[in-house]
Amino acid sequence: MTSTLDDPTLASATSSRSSRGVSLQAYDTGLLIMRIGLGFLLVGHGTQKLFGWFGGGGLEGTGQFFAMAGFPAAKVMALVAGLTETLGGLGLALGLLTPLAGAAVFGTMINAAVAVNWHGGFFMMDQDGGIELDVLVAVGAAGLAFTGPGRIAVDRYLPVLRAHRVGYGIAAVALGTVVGAAVLLIRK
């Protein structure tokens, strides 16, 4: 199934409205805002883990935290998490390999919710934090994997991803779920 944003029967390159009168520019702008907001939030979190920017612990501090959370090879896992958040966030922000970026972010947020924030309740203001931000980011990433990045994205210039398909989103969310669950299973 082709995304409605890329379906040539709904919009031509010169038209700003689909045959149903829907503003495609509004969809594209909304997706762009979501991608930039979500993407750069994740870039910030990833660079905290990798470089200690924005008050983060860097690889050393994040590795120690991951060891306390029960992850084996904690410093390596900190590197993987930092790279996943940074590169996944950049991918979402740029609309570059959007389904894969969404999968990376989705799997990472599964781990953040279950391994780190699960016992803090649902809301961030409960006890010791909560999973609400993790859920929000995971749902946003999954949504972008399903919808595609819109027309204001690098993916528009990649032949395989130009006509985004729902199957890409399904495969991406399945991949993120499987990899995220596998990482959780190797915890101590």
Protein backbone atom coordinates (compact mmCIF):
# COMPACT_ATOMS: atom_id res chain seq x y z
CA MET A 1 0.00 0.00 0.00
CA THR A 2 1.40 3.39 -0.96
CA SER A 3 1.35 6.34 1.41
CA THR A 4 -1.31 8.90 0.49
CA LEU A 5 1.39 11.58 0.46
CA ASP A 6 3.28 9.85 -2.33
CA ASP A 7 0.40 8.45 -4.37
CA PRO A 8 0.47 10.12 -7.79
CA THR A 9 -3.30 9.68 -8.12
CA LEU A 10 -3.82 11.90 -5.08
CA ALA A 11 -1.33 14.67 -5.74
CA SER A 12 0.79 15.85 -8.60
CA ALA A 13 4.07 17.66 -8.13
CA THR A 14 2.36 20.97 -8.85
CA SER A 15 -0.74 20.41 -6.70
CA SER A 16 -0.90 21.32 -3.03
CA ARG A 17 -4.19 19.44 -2.52
CA SER A 18 -5.18 15.85 -3.03
CA SER A 19 -8.15 14.89 -5.14
CA ARG A 20 -10.09 14.83 -1.85
CA GLY A 21 -9.25 18.48 -1.11
CA VAL A 22 -6.81 17.67 1.70
CA SER A 23 -3.82 20.01 2.01
CA LEU A 24 -0.74 17.86 1.45
CA GLN A 25 1.46 20.75 2.56
CA ALA A 26 -0.25 20.63 5.96
CA TYR A 27 0.51 16.90 6.27
CA ASP A 28 4.10 17.40 5.17
CA THR A 29 4.59 20.32 7.55
CA GLY A 30 3.07 18.40 10.45
CA LEU A 31 5.28 15.38 9.79
CA LEU A 32 8.33 17.64 9.48
CA ILE A 33 7.60 19.28 12.84
CA MET A 34 7.11 15.87 14.49
CA ARG A 35 10.30 14.52 12.94
CA ILE A 36 12.43 17.51 13.95
CA GLY A 37 11.05 17.66 17.49
CA LEU A 38 11.33 13.94 18.17
CA GLY A 39 14.59 13.58 16.27
CA PHE A 40 16.49 16.32 18.05
CA LEU A 41 15.16 15.26 21.45
CA LEU A 42 16.78 11.90 20.77
CA VAL A 43 19.99 13.42 19.41
CA GLY A 44 20.29 15.29 22.71
CA HIS A 45 19.79 12.10 24.74
CA GLY A 46 22.23 10.18 22.56
CA THR A 47 24.96 12.79 22.82
CA GLN A 48 24.51 12.83 26.60
CA LYS A 49 25.39 9.13 26.57
CA LEU A 50 28.19 9.38 24.02
CA PHE A 51 29.95 12.63 24.91
CA GLY A 52 28.54 13.78 28.23
CA TRP A 53 26.94 16.81 26.56
CA PHE A 54 23.94 18.55 28.14
CA GLY A 55 24.81 17.23 31.59
CA GLY A 56 25.04 13.59 30.53
CA GLY A 57 27.38 10.97 31.94
CA GLY A 58 29.30 10.22 28.75
CA LEU A 59 30.20 6.61 27.97
CA GLU A 60 31.81 6.06 31.36
CA GLY A 61 28.90 7.32 33.47
CA THR A 62 26.26 5.81 31.20
CA GLY A 63 28.13 2.50 31.23
CA GLN A 64 28.07 2.50 35.04
CA PHE A 65 24.35 3.24 34.98
CA PHE A 66 23.74 0.42 32.48
CA ALA A 67 25.72 -1.98 34.70
CA MET A 68 23.45 -1.07 37.65
CA ALA A 69 20.43 -1.69 35.39
CA GLY A 70 21.71 -5.21 34.72
CA PHE A 71 23.00 -4.91 31.16
CA PRO A 72 26.05 -7.07 30.32
CA ALA A 73 29.02 -5.34 28.67
CA ALA A 74 27.56 -2.14 30.04
CA LYS A 75 29.94 0.30 28.34
CA VAL A 76 29.31 -1.36 24.96
CA MET A 77 25.57 -1.20 25.59
CA ALA A 78 25.96 2.50 26.50
CA LEU A 79 27.73 3.03 23.17
CA VAL A 80 24.99 1.14 21.30
CA ALA A 81 22.24 3.12 23.07
CA GLY A 82 24.01 6.44 22.44
CA LEU A 83 24.59 5.68 18.77
CA THR A 84 21.04 4.39 18.33
CA GLU A 85 19.51 7.50 19.86
CA THR A 86 21.85 9.89 18.04
CA LEU A 87 21.69 8.27 14.60
CA GLY A 88 18.03 7.26 14.93
CA GLY A 89 17.20 10.81 15.98
CA LEU A 90 19.14 12.30 13.08
CA GLY A 91 17.44 9.87 10.70
CA LEU A 92 14.00 10.91 11.94
CA ALA A 93 14.83 14.63 11.88
CA LEU A 94 16.18 14.47 8.32
CA GLY A 95 13.62 11.96 7.08
CA LEU A 96 16.52 9.68 6.15
CA LEU A 97 15.82 5.93 6.17
CA THR A 98 12.78 6.83 8.26
CA PRO A 99 11.42 3.29 8.81
CA LEU A 100 14.83 2.08 10.02
CA ALA A 101 15.31 5.16 12.21
CA GLY A 102 11.85 4.59 13.66
CA ALA A 103 12.72 0.95 14.38
CA ALA A 104 15.93 1.95 16.17
CA VAL A 105 14.15 4.50 18.33
CA PHE A 106 11.22 2.16 19.03
CA GLY A 107 13.52 -0.65 20.24
CA THR A 108 15.55 1.73 22.38
CA MET A 109 12.44 3.12 24.03
CA ILE A 110 11.20 -0.40 24.83
CA ASN A 111 14.45 -0.88 26.75
CA ALA A 112 14.25 2.51 28.45
CA ALA A 113 10.68 1.85 29.58
CA VAL A 114 11.17 -1.69 30.83
CA ALA A 115 14.76 -1.68 32.14
CA VAL A 116 15.00 1.83 33.54
CA ASN A 117 11.66 3.48 34.22
CA TRP A 118 9.16 0.63 34.70
CA HIS A 119 9.16 0.71 38.50
CA GLY A 120 8.65 4.47 38.61
CA GLY A 121 4.97 4.27 37.67
CA PHE A 122 3.42 5.55 34.47
CA PHE A 123 3.70 9.31 34.84
CA MET A 124 7.03 11.07 35.09
CA MET A 125 5.88 12.77 38.29
CA ASP A 126 5.17 9.40 39.97
CA GLN A 127 7.76 8.18 42.50
CA ASP A 128 11.05 7.85 40.61
CA GLY A 129 9.99 8.97 37.16
CA GLY A 130 7.87 6.83 34.92
CA ILE A 131 7.47 5.47 31.44
CA GLU A 132 5.25 8.16 29.91
CA LEU A 133 8.07 9.87 27.96
CA ASP A 134 9.39 6.51 26.76
CA VAL A 135 5.90 5.54 25.58
CA LEU A 136 5.38 8.90 23.87
CA VAL A 137 8.69 8.69 22.00
CA ALA A 138 8.10 5.03 21.06
CA VAL A 139 4.61 5.77 19.74
CA GLY A 140 5.91 8.80 17.80
CA ALA A 141 8.70 6.73 16.24
CA ALA A 142 6.30 3.91 15.33
CA GLY A 143 3.85 6.42 13.85
CA LEU A 144 6.57 7.94 11.68
CA ALA A 145 7.71 4.46 10.60
CA PHE A 146 4.14 3.77 9.44
CA THR A 147 3.35 7.12 7.83
CA GLY A 148 6.73 7.77 6.33
CA PRO A 149 8.47 11.13 6.59
CA GLY A 150 6.29 13.12 4.22
CA ARG A 151 7.52 14.92 1.12
CA ILE A 152 9.94 17.26 2.93
CA ALA A 153 12.51 14.55 3.60
CA VAL A 154 15.67 12.98 2.27
CA ASP A 155 13.77 9.72 1.70
CA ARG A 156 11.99 11.43 -1.21
CA TYR A 157 15.27 11.21 -3.11
CA LEU A 158 15.89 7.52 -2.38
CA PRO A 159 14.26 5.35 -5.07
CA VAL A 160 13.27 2.52 -2.73
CA LEU A 161 11.74 4.78 -0.08
CA ARG A 162 10.27 7.47 -2.35
CA ALA A 163 6.91 5.70 -2.40
CA HIS A 164 6.64 4.78 1.28
CA ARG A 165 4.66 1.65 1.96
CA VAL A 166 2.85 0.58 5.12
CA GLY A 167 4.77 -2.69 4.93
CA TYR A 168 7.95 -0.73 5.70
CA GLY A 169 6.35 0.50 8.90
CA ILE A 170 5.14 -2.94 9.90
CA ALA A 171 8.59 -4.43 9.28
CA ALA A 172 10.29 -1.56 11.13
CA VAL A 173 8.11 -1.83 14.24
CA ALA A 174 8.49 -5.63 14.22
CA LEU A 175 12.29 -5.27 13.93
CA GLY A 176 12.39 -2.71 16.76
CA THR A 177 10.24 -4.94 18.95
CA VAL A 178 12.33 -8.07 18.34
CA VAL A 179 15.69 -6.36 18.85
CA GLY A 180 14.44 -4.42 21.88
CA ALA A 181 13.06 -7.61 23.46
CA ALA A 182 16.28 -9.52 22.68
CA VAL A 183 18.36 -6.89 24.47
CA LEU A 184 16.03 -7.06 27.46
CA LEU A 185 16.38 -10.83 27.58
CA ILE A 186 20.16 -10.68 27.92
CA ARG A 187 19.95 -8.46 31.02
CA LYS A 188 21.00 -10.02 34.33
